Amino acid sequence: MADFALPPKLTLVEARAVHAQLEAAAKAGGAQAWSVQAAALAQFDTSALAVLLAARRLGAQAVLGPPAKLKALAELYGVAELLELQPPT
């Protein structure tokens, strides 16, 4: 599977649909290594953390290019290490 790109907006309203897209992409991709591209994220809430944790459970290797505010939110909630937040490659 190619990397999964998050949309610019990921709040509670969008979380269910993005999670469903993520699950479908992960299942379709099989065992191929993949990561989540978060660089486009501009508007988000804690629902984004839930989606990213689900991505890790589904096999995402890391979260690439997270905005600074997402990093801060993940650190506040104590999940930054679990998400493998990394700068873009």
PDB file of N, CA and C in Angstrom:
ATOM      1  N   MET A   1       0.848  -1.184   0.000  1.00  0.00           N
ATOM      2  CA  MET A   1       0.000   0.000   0.000  1.00  0.00           C
ATOM      3  C   MET A   1       0.886   1.237   0.000  1.00  0.00           C
ATOM      4  N   ALA A   2       0.521   2.214  -0.775  1.00  0.00           N
ATOM      5  CA  ALA A   2       1.213   3.505  -0.739  1.00  0.00           C
ATOM      6  C   ALA A   2       0.842   4.210   0.559  1.00  0.00           C
ATOM      7  N   ASP A   3       1.601   5.209   0.921  1.00  0.00           N
ATOM      8  CA  ASP A   3       1.289   5.944   2.132  1.00  0.00           C
ATOM      9  C   ASP A   3      -0.128   6.509   2.075  1.00  0.00           C
ATOM     10  N   PHE A   4      -0.767   6.570   3.247  1.00  0.00           N
ATOM     11  CA  PHE A   4      -2.127   7.092   3.358  1.00  0.00           C
ATOM     12  C   PHE A   4      -2.034   8.566   3.733  1.00  0.00           C
ATOM     13  N   ALA A   5      -2.612   9.446   2.927  1.00  0.00           N
ATOM     14  CA  ALA A   5      -2.570  10.887   3.182  1.00  0.00           C
ATOM     15  C   ALA A   5      -3.837  11.340   3.902  1.00  0.00           C
ATOM     16  N   LEU A   6      -3.637  12.015   5.021  1.00  0.00           N
ATOM     17  CA  LEU A   6      -4.768  12.569   5.751  1.00  0.00           C
ATOM     18  C   LEU A   6      -5.290  13.811   5.038  1.00  0.00           C
ATOM     19  N   PRO A   7      -6.582  14.091   5.185  1.00  0.00           N
ATOM     20  CA  PRO A   7      -7.152  15.296   4.567  1.00  0.00           C
ATOM     21  C   PRO A   7      -6.746  16.541   5.366  1.00  0.00           C
ATOM     22  N   PRO A   8      -6.975  17.725   4.819  1.00  0.00           N
ATOM     23  CA  PRO A   8      -6.639  18.955   5.537  1.00  0.00           C
ATOM     24  C   PRO A   8      -7.440  19.153   6.822  1.00  0.00           C
ATOM     25  N   LYS A   9      -8.640  18.587   6.870  1.00  0.00           N
ATOM     26  CA  LYS A   9      -9.489  18.729   8.061  1.00  0.00           C
ATOM     27  C   LYS A   9      -9.821  17.344   8.604  1.00  0.00           C
ATOM     28  N   LEU A  10      -9.540  17.142   9.903  1.00  0.00           N
ATOM     29  CA  LEU A  10      -9.848  15.857  10.544  1.00  0.00           C
ATOM     30  C   LEU A  10     -10.336  16.127  11.960  1.00  0.00           C
ATOM     31  N   THR A  11     -11.649  16.288  12.063  1.00  0.00           N
ATOM     32  CA  THR A  11     -12.290  16.499  13.353  1.00  0.00           C
ATOM     33  C   THR A  11     -13.273  15.356  13.587  1.00  0.00           C
ATOM     34  N   LEU A  12     -14.003  15.439  14.653  1.00  0.00           N
ATOM     35  CA  LEU A  12     -14.978  14.396  14.968  1.00  0.00           C
ATOM     36  C   LEU A  12     -15.935  14.158  13.802  1.00  0.00           C
ATOM     37  N   VAL A  13     -16.284  15.212  13.095  1.00  0.00           N
ATOM     38  CA  VAL A  13     -17.211  15.100  11.963  1.00  0.00           C
ATOM     39  C   VAL A  13     -16.647  14.195  10.864  1.00  0.00           C
ATOM     40  N   GLU A  14     -15.344  14.320  10.570  1.00  0.00           N
ATOM     41  CA  GLU A  14     -14.715  13.559   9.486  1.00  0.00           C
ATOM     42  C   GLU A  14     -14.098  12.235   9.935  1.00  0.00           C
ATOM     43  N   ALA A  15     -13.903  12.055  11.216  1.00  0.00           N
ATOM     44  CA  ALA A  15     -13.114  10.927  11.726  1.00  0.00           C
ATOM     45  C   ALA A  15     -13.650   9.560  11.293  1.00  0.00           C
ATOM     46  N   ARG A  16     -14.931   9.353  11.363  1.00  0.00           N
ATOM     47  CA  ARG A  16     -15.497   8.047  11.006  1.00  0.00           C
ATOM     48  C   ARG A  16     -15.218   7.700   9.546  1.00  0.00           C
ATOM     49  N   ALA A  17     -15.414   8.655   8.660  1.00  0.00           N
ATOM     50  CA  ALA A  17     -15.194   8.415   7.230  1.00  0.00           C
ATOM     51  C   ALA A  17     -13.708   8.196   6.935  1.00  0.00           C
ATOM     52  N   VAL A  18     -12.839   8.991   7.548  1.00  0.00           N
ATOM     53  CA  VAL A  18     -11.397   8.834   7.328  1.00  0.00           C
ATOM     54  C   VAL A  18     -10.934   7.484   7.872  1.00  0.00           C
ATOM     55  N   HIS A  19     -11.464   7.088   9.020  1.00  0.00           N
ATOM     56  CA  HIS A  19     -11.109   5.788   9.591  1.00  0.00           C
ATOM     57  C   HIS A  19     -11.531   4.660   8.652  1.00  0.00           C
ATOM     58  N   ALA A  20     -12.712   4.762   8.086  1.00  0.00           N
ATOM     59  CA  ALA A  20     -13.188   3.733   7.145  1.00  0.00           C
ATOM     60  C   ALA A  20     -12.294   3.680   5.904  1.00  0.00           C
ATOM     61  N   GLN A  21     -11.895   4.836   5.388  1.00  0.00           N
ATOM     62  CA  GLN A  21     -10.993   4.880   4.235  1.00  0.00           C
ATOM     63  C   GLN A  21      -9.641   4.253   4.585  1.00  0.00           C
ATOM     64  N   LEU A  22      -9.179   4.549   5.770  1.00  0.00           N
ATOM     65  CA  LEU A  22      -7.909   4.015   6.240  1.00  0.00           C
ATOM     66  C   LEU A  22      -7.959   2.493   6.342  1.00  0.00           C
ATOM     67  N   GLU A  23      -9.024   1.966   6.941  1.00  0.00           N
ATOM     68  CA  GLU A  23      -9.180   0.509   7.044  1.00  0.00           C
ATOM     69  C   GLU A  23      -9.211  -0.147   5.676  1.00  0.00           C
ATOM     70  N   ALA A  24      -9.976   0.420   4.763  1.00  0.00           N
ATOM     71  CA  ALA A  24     -10.085  -0.145   3.412  1.00  0.00           C
ATOM     72  C   ALA A  24      -8.733  -0.131   2.706  1.00  0.00           C
ATOM     73  N   ALA A  25      -8.006   0.966   2.832  1.00  0.00           N
ATOM     74  CA  ALA A  25      -6.692   1.070   2.184  1.00  0.00           C
ATOM     75  C   ALA A  25      -5.707   0.082   2.787  1.00  0.00           C
ATOM     76  N   ALA A  26      -5.741  -0.084   4.100  1.00  0.00           N
ATOM     77  CA  ALA A  26      -4.827  -1.009   4.766  1.00  0.00           C
ATOM     78  C   ALA A  26      -5.117  -2.451   4.341  1.00  0.00           C
ATOM     79  N   LYS A  27      -6.389  -2.809   4.266  1.00  0.00           N
ATOM     80  CA  LYS A  27      -6.757  -4.164   3.843  1.00  0.00           C
ATOM     81  C   LYS A  27      -6.378  -4.415   2.390  1.00  0.00           C
ATOM     82  N   ALA A  28      -6.575  -3.420   1.547  1.00  0.00           N
ATOM     83  CA  ALA A  28      -6.263  -3.567   0.125  1.00  0.00           C
ATOM     84  C   ALA A  28      -4.762  -3.638  -0.119  1.00  0.00           C
ATOM     85  N   GLY A  29      -3.978  -3.013   0.760  1.00  0.00           N
ATOM     86  CA  GLY A  29      -2.539  -2.958   0.580  1.00  0.00           C
ATOM     87  C   GLY A  29      -1.793  -4.195   0.994  1.00  0.00           C
ATOM     88  N   GLY A  30      -2.435  -5.077   1.724  1.00  0.00           N
ATOM     89  CA  GLY A  30      -1.772  -6.306   2.160  1.00  0.00           C
ATOM     90  C   GLY A  30      -0.648  -6.040   3.136  1.00  0.00           C
ATOM     91  N   ALA A  31       0.455  -6.756   2.968  1.00  0.00           N
ATOM     92  CA  ALA A  31       1.560  -6.713   3.927  1.00  0.00           C
ATOM     93  C   ALA A  31       2.613  -5.660   3.593  1.00  0.00           C
ATOM     94  N   GLN A  32       2.396  -4.879   2.570  1.00  0.00           N
ATOM     95  CA  GLN A  32       3.368  -3.865   2.172  1.00  0.00           C
ATOM     96  C   GLN A  32       3.494  -2.795   3.261  1.00  0.00           C
ATOM     97  N   ALA A  33       4.717  -2.336   3.546  1.00  0.00           N
ATOM     98  CA  ALA A  33       4.953  -1.300   4.552  1.00  0.00           C
ATOM     99  C   ALA A  33       4.351   0.027   4.088  1.00  0.00           C
ATOM    100  N   TRP A  34       3.786   0.764   5.022  1.00  0.00           N
ATOM    101  CA  TRP A  34       3.173   2.044   4.710  1.00  0.00           C
ATOM    102  C   TRP A  34       3.207   2.962   5.922  1.00  0.00           C
ATOM    103  N   SER A  35       3.032   4.236   5.670  1.00  0.00           N
ATOM    104  CA  SER A  35       2.983   5.245   6.723  1.00  0.00           C
ATOM    105  C   SER A  35       1.812   6.180   6.458  1.00  0.00           C
ATOM    106  N   VAL A  36       1.543   7.037   7.421  1.00  0.00           N
ATOM    107  CA  VAL A  36       0.497   8.041   7.271  1.00  0.00           C
ATOM    108  C   VAL A  36       1.160   9.389   7.008  1.00  0.00           C
ATOM    109  N   GLN A  37       0.739  10.050   5.944  1.00  0.00           N
ATOM    110  CA  GLN A  37       1.219  11.394   5.615  1.00  0.00           C
ATOM    111  C   GLN A  37       0.278  12.411   6.261  1.00  0.00           C
ATOM    112  N   ALA A  38       0.815  13.202   7.187  1.00  0.00           N
ATOM    113  CA  ALA A  38      -0.022  14.145   7.925  1.00  0.00           C
ATOM    114  C   ALA A  38       0.267  15.602   7.583  1.00  0.00           C
ATOM    115  N   ALA A  39       1.116  15.843   6.609  1.00  0.00           N
ATOM    116  CA  ALA A  39       1.544  17.209   6.292  1.00  0.00           C
ATOM    117  C   ALA A  39       0.389  18.124   5.892  1.00  0.00           C
ATOM    118  N   ALA A  40      -0.655  17.592   5.294  1.00  0.00           N
ATOM    119  CA  ALA A  40      -1.777  18.426   4.835  1.00  0.00           C
ATOM    120  C   ALA A  40      -2.712  18.842   5.965  1.00  0.00           C
ATOM    121  N   LEU A  41      -2.599  18.190   7.113  1.00  0.00           N
ATOM    122  CA  LEU A  41      -3.504  18.488   8.229  1.00  0.00           C
ATOM    123  C   LEU A  41      -3.383  19.944   8.648  1.00  0.00           C
ATOM    124  N   ALA A  42      -4.485  20.660   8.597  1.00  0.00           N
ATOM    125  CA  ALA A  42      -4.499  22.061   8.995  1.00  0.00           C
ATOM    126  C   ALA A  42      -5.499  22.315  10.123  1.00  0.00           C
ATOM    127  N   GLN A  43      -6.594  21.577  10.106  1.00  0.00           N
ATOM    128  CA  GLN A  43      -7.632  21.730  11.132  1.00  0.00           C
ATOM    129  C   GLN A  43      -7.939  20.351  11.683  1.00  0.00           C
ATOM    130  N   PHE A  44      -7.781  20.190  13.006  1.00  0.00           N
ATOM    131  CA  PHE A  44      -7.996  18.871  13.614  1.00  0.00           C
ATOM    132  C   PHE A  44      -8.312  19.033  15.090  1.00  0.00           C
ATOM    133  N   ASP A  45      -8.820  17.955  15.657  1.00  0.00           N
ATOM    134  CA  ASP A  45      -9.043  17.899  17.096  1.00  0.00           C
ATOM    135  C   ASP A  45      -8.530  16.551  17.588  1.00  0.00           C
ATOM    136  N   THR A  46      -8.895  16.172  18.792  1.00  0.00           N
ATOM    137  CA  THR A  46      -8.376  14.924  19.352  1.00  0.00           C
ATOM    138  C   THR A  46      -8.831  13.695  18.573  1.00  0.00           C
ATOM    139  N   SER A  47      -9.846  13.835  17.752  1.00  0.00           N
ATOM    140  CA  SER A  47     -10.272  12.717  16.907  1.00  0.00           C
ATOM    141  C   SER A  47      -9.155  12.303  15.962  1.00  0.00           C
ATOM    142  N   ALA A  48      -8.317  13.240  15.570  1.00  0.00           N
ATOM    143  CA  ALA A  48      -7.184  12.913  14.701  1.00  0.00           C
ATOM    144  C   ALA A  48      -6.250  11.937  15.396  1.00  0.00           C
ATOM    145  N   LEU A  49      -6.061  12.108  16.704  1.00  0.00           N
ATOM    146  CA  LEU A  49      -5.206  11.173  17.451  1.00  0.00           C
ATOM    147  C   LEU A  49      -5.806   9.770  17.432  1.00  0.00           C
ATOM    148  N   ALA A  50      -7.126   9.686  17.584  1.00  0.00           N
ATOM    149  CA  ALA A  50      -7.783   8.376  17.551  1.00  0.00           C
ATOM    150  C   ALA A  50      -7.589   7.708  16.192  1.00  0.00           C
ATOM    151  N   VAL A  51      -7.713   8.471  15.114  1.00  0.00           N
ATOM    152  CA  VAL A  51      -7.519   7.921  13.773  1.00  0.00           C
ATOM    153  C   VAL A  51      -6.073   7.474  13.595  1.00  0.00           C
ATOM    154  N   LEU A  52      -5.125   8.260  14.080  1.00  0.00           N
ATOM    155  CA  LEU A  52      -3.716   7.893  13.952  1.00  0.00           C
ATOM    156  C   LEU A  52      -3.364   6.663  14.780  1.00  0.00           C
ATOM    157  N   LEU A  53      -3.941   6.541  15.952  1.00  0.00           N
ATOM    158  CA  LEU A  53      -3.724   5.325  16.752  1.00  0.00           C
ATOM    159  C   LEU A  53      -4.300   4.109  16.039  1.00  0.00           C
ATOM    160  N   ALA A  54      -5.447   4.280  15.408  1.00  0.00           N
ATOM    161  CA  ALA A  54      -6.036   3.182  14.628  1.00  0.00           C
ATOM    162  C   ALA A  54      -5.118   2.808  13.468  1.00  0.00           C
ATOM    163  N   ALA A  55      -4.520   3.819  12.839  1.00  0.00           N
ATOM    164  CA  ALA A  55      -3.592   3.550  11.736  1.00  0.00           C
ATOM    165  C   ALA A  55      -2.410   2.717  12.213  1.00  0.00           C
ATOM    166  N   ARG A  56      -1.888   3.015  13.371  1.00  0.00           N
ATOM    167  CA  ARG A  56      -0.773   2.239  13.914  1.00  0.00           C
ATOM    168  C   ARG A  56      -1.221   0.799  14.179  1.00  0.00           C
ATOM    169  N   ARG A  57      -2.426   0.625  14.723  1.00  0.00           N
ATOM    170  CA  ARG A  57      -2.942  -0.732  14.969  1.00  0.00           C
ATOM    171  C   ARG A  57      -3.119  -1.495  13.665  1.00  0.00           C
ATOM    172  N   LEU A  58      -3.430  -0.777  12.594  1.00  0.00           N
ATOM    173  CA  LEU A  58      -3.616  -1.407  11.283  1.00  0.00           C
ATOM    174  C   LEU A  58      -2.302  -1.661  10.553  1.00  0.00           C
ATOM    175  N   GLY A  59      -1.201  -1.202  11.137  1.00  0.00           N
ATOM    176  CA  GLY A  59       0.101  -1.507  10.555  1.00  0.00           C
ATOM    177  C   GLY A  59       0.913  -0.349  10.029  1.00  0.00           C
ATOM    178  N   ALA A  60       0.453   0.880  10.190  1.00  0.00           N
ATOM    179  CA  ALA A  60       1.242   2.030   9.736  1.00  0.00           C
ATOM    180  C   ALA A  60       2.570   2.056  10.475  1.00  0.00           C
ATOM    181  N   GLN A  61       3.646   2.285   9.747  1.00  0.00           N
ATOM    182  CA  GLN A  61       4.980   2.312  10.333  1.00  0.00           C
ATOM    183  C   GLN A  61       5.233   3.594  11.105  1.00  0.00           C
ATOM    184  N   ALA A  62       4.687   4.715  10.643  1.00  0.00           N
ATOM    185  CA  ALA A  62       4.939   6.009  11.266  1.00  0.00           C
ATOM    186  C   ALA A  62       3.926   7.028  10.765  1.00  0.00           C
ATOM    187  N   VAL A  63       3.954   8.200  11.397  1.00  0.00           N
ATOM    188  CA  VAL A  63       3.172   9.348  10.946  1.00  0.00           C
ATOM    189  C   VAL A  63       4.189  10.384  10.469  1.00  0.00           C
ATOM    190  N   LEU A  64       4.153  10.686   9.181  1.00  0.00           N
ATOM    191  CA  LEU A  64       5.148  11.569   8.572  1.00  0.00           C
ATOM    192  C   LEU A  64       4.626  12.991   8.416  1.00  0.00           C
ATOM    193  N   GLY A  65       5.464  13.957   8.744  1.00  0.00           N
ATOM    194  CA  GLY A  65       5.147  15.361   8.531  1.00  0.00           C
ATOM    195  C   GLY A  65       4.030  15.936   9.369  1.00  0.00           C
ATOM    196  N   PRO A  66       3.896  15.513  10.631  1.00  0.00           N
ATOM    197  CA  PRO A  66       2.800  16.067  11.432  1.00  0.00           C
ATOM    198  C   PRO A  66       3.032  17.543  11.740  1.00  0.00           C
ATOM    199  N   PRO A  67       1.976  18.351  11.718  1.00  0.00           N
ATOM    200  CA  PRO A  67       2.119  19.754  12.099  1.00  0.00           C
ATOM    201  C   PRO A  67       2.541  19.867  13.569  1.00  0.00           C
ATOM    202  N   ALA A  68       3.157  20.975  13.912  1.00  0.00           N
ATOM    203  CA  ALA A  68       3.641  21.185  15.282  1.00  0.00           C
ATOM    204  C   ALA A  68       2.515  21.069  16.313  1.00  0.00           C
ATOM    205  N   LYS A  69       1.337  21.568  15.981  1.00  0.00           N
ATOM    206  CA  LYS A  69       0.218  21.503  16.934  1.00  0.00           C
ATOM    207  C   LYS A  69      -0.236  20.061  17.152  1.00  0.00           C
ATOM    208  N   LEU A  70      -0.143  19.226  16.131  1.00  0.00           N
ATOM    209  CA  LEU A  70      -0.484  17.816  16.299  1.00  0.00           C
ATOM    210  C   LEU A  70       0.538  17.133  17.200  1.00  0.00           C
ATOM    211  N   LYS A  71       1.802  17.450  17.007  1.00  0.00           N
ATOM    212  CA  LYS A  71       2.845  16.900  17.882  1.00  0.00           C
ATOM    213  C   LYS A  71       2.586  17.293  19.326  1.00  0.00           C
ATOM    214  N   ALA A  72       2.275  18.565  19.540  1.00  0.00           N
ATOM    215  CA  ALA A  72       2.009  19.058  20.894  1.00  0.00           C
ATOM    216  C   ALA A  72       0.802  18.354  21.510  1.00  0.00           C
ATOM    217  N   LEU A  73      -0.239  18.159  20.724  1.00  0.00           N
ATOM    218  CA  LEU A  73      -1.436  17.469  21.216  1.00  0.00           C
ATOM    219  C   LEU A  73      -1.112  16.019  21.571  1.00  0.00           C
ATOM    220  N   ALA A  74      -0.345  15.349  20.722  1.00  0.00           N
ATOM    221  CA  ALA A  74       0.041  13.960  20.991  1.00  0.00           C
ATOM    222  C   ALA A  74       0.901  13.863  22.252  1.00  0.00           C
ATOM    223  N   GLU A  75       1.786  14.828  22.446  1.00  0.00           N
ATOM    224  CA  GLU A  75       2.605  14.834  23.664  1.00  0.00           C
ATOM    225  C   GLU A  75       1.739  15.081  24.888  1.00  0.00           C
ATOM    226  N   LEU A  76       0.786  16.003  24.793  1.00  0.00           N
ATOM    227  CA  LEU A  76      -0.120  16.296  25.899  1.00  0.00           C
ATOM    228  C   LEU A  76      -0.896  15.048  26.325  1.00  0.00           C
ATOM    229  N   TYR A  77      -1.333  14.254  25.359  1.00  0.00           N
ATOM    230  CA  TYR A  77      -2.105  13.046  25.635  1.00  0.00           C
ATOM    231  C   TYR A  77      -1.222  11.821  25.890  1.00  0.00           C
ATOM    232  N   GLY A  78       0.093  11.993  25.779  1.00  0.00           N
ATOM    233  CA  GLY A  78       1.019  10.896  26.071  1.00  0.00           C
ATOM    234  C   GLY A  78       1.075   9.811  25.016  1.00  0.00           C
ATOM    235  N   VAL A  79       0.770  10.156  23.769  1.00  0.00           N
ATOM    236  CA  VAL A  79       0.764   9.142  22.714  1.00  0.00           C
ATOM    237  C   VAL A  79       1.769   9.422  21.597  1.00  0.00           C
ATOM    238  N   ALA A  80       2.606  10.420  21.756  1.00  0.00           N
ATOM    239  CA  ALA A  80       3.555  10.793  20.695  1.00  0.00           C
ATOM    240  C   ALA A  80       4.470   9.626  20.325  1.00  0.00           C
ATOM    241  N   GLU A  81       4.992   8.922  21.315  1.00  0.00           N
ATOM    242  CA  GLU A  81       5.875   7.787  21.028  1.00  0.00           C
ATOM    243  C   GLU A  81       5.127   6.656  20.336  1.00  0.00           C
ATOM    244  N   LEU A  82       3.892   6.426  20.708  1.00  0.00           N
ATOM    245  CA  LEU A  82       3.097   5.372  20.078  1.00  0.00           C
ATOM    246  C   LEU A  82       2.842   5.671  18.609  1.00  0.00           C
ATOM    247  N   LEU A  83       2.748   6.942  18.264  1.00  0.00           N
ATOM    248  CA  LEU A  83       2.423   7.328  16.893  1.00  0.00           C
ATOM    249  C   LEU A  83       3.640   7.359  15.972  1.00  0.00           C
ATOM    250  N   GLU A  84       4.842   7.318  16.524  1.00  0.00           N
ATOM    251  CA  GLU A  84       6.058   7.385  15.697  1.00  0.00           C
ATOM    252  C   GLU A  84       6.020   8.620  14.795  1.00  0.00           C
ATOM    253  N   LEU A  85       5.834   9.788  15.417  1.00  0.00           N
ATOM    254  CA  LEU A  85       5.785  11.040  14.675  1.00  0.00           C
ATOM    255  C   LEU A  85       7.159  11.360  14.115  1.00  0.00           C
ATOM    256  N   GLN A  86       7.234  11.607  12.807  1.00  0.00           N
ATOM    257  CA  GLN A  86       8.510  11.855  12.138  1.00  0.00           C
ATOM    258  C   GLN A  86       8.359  13.001  11.153  1.00  0.00           C
ATOM    259  N   PRO A  87       9.458  13.745  10.944  1.00  0.00           N
ATOM    260  CA  PRO A  87       9.397  14.796   9.924  1.00  0.00           C
ATOM    261  C   PRO A  87       9.205  14.177   8.547  1.00  0.00           C
ATOM    262  N   PRO A  88       8.735  14.963   7.582  1.00  0.00           N
ATOM    263  CA  PRO A  88       8.532  14.405   6.229  1.00  0.00           C
ATOM    264  C   PRO A  88       9.852  13.931   5.626  1.00  0.00           C
ATOM    265  N   THR A  89       9.772  12.914   4.779  1.00  0.00           N
ATOM    266  CA  THR A  89      10.977  12.385   4.127  1.00  0.00           C
ATOM    267  C   THR A  89      11.065  12.873   2.713  1.00  0.00           C
TER     268      THR A  89
END
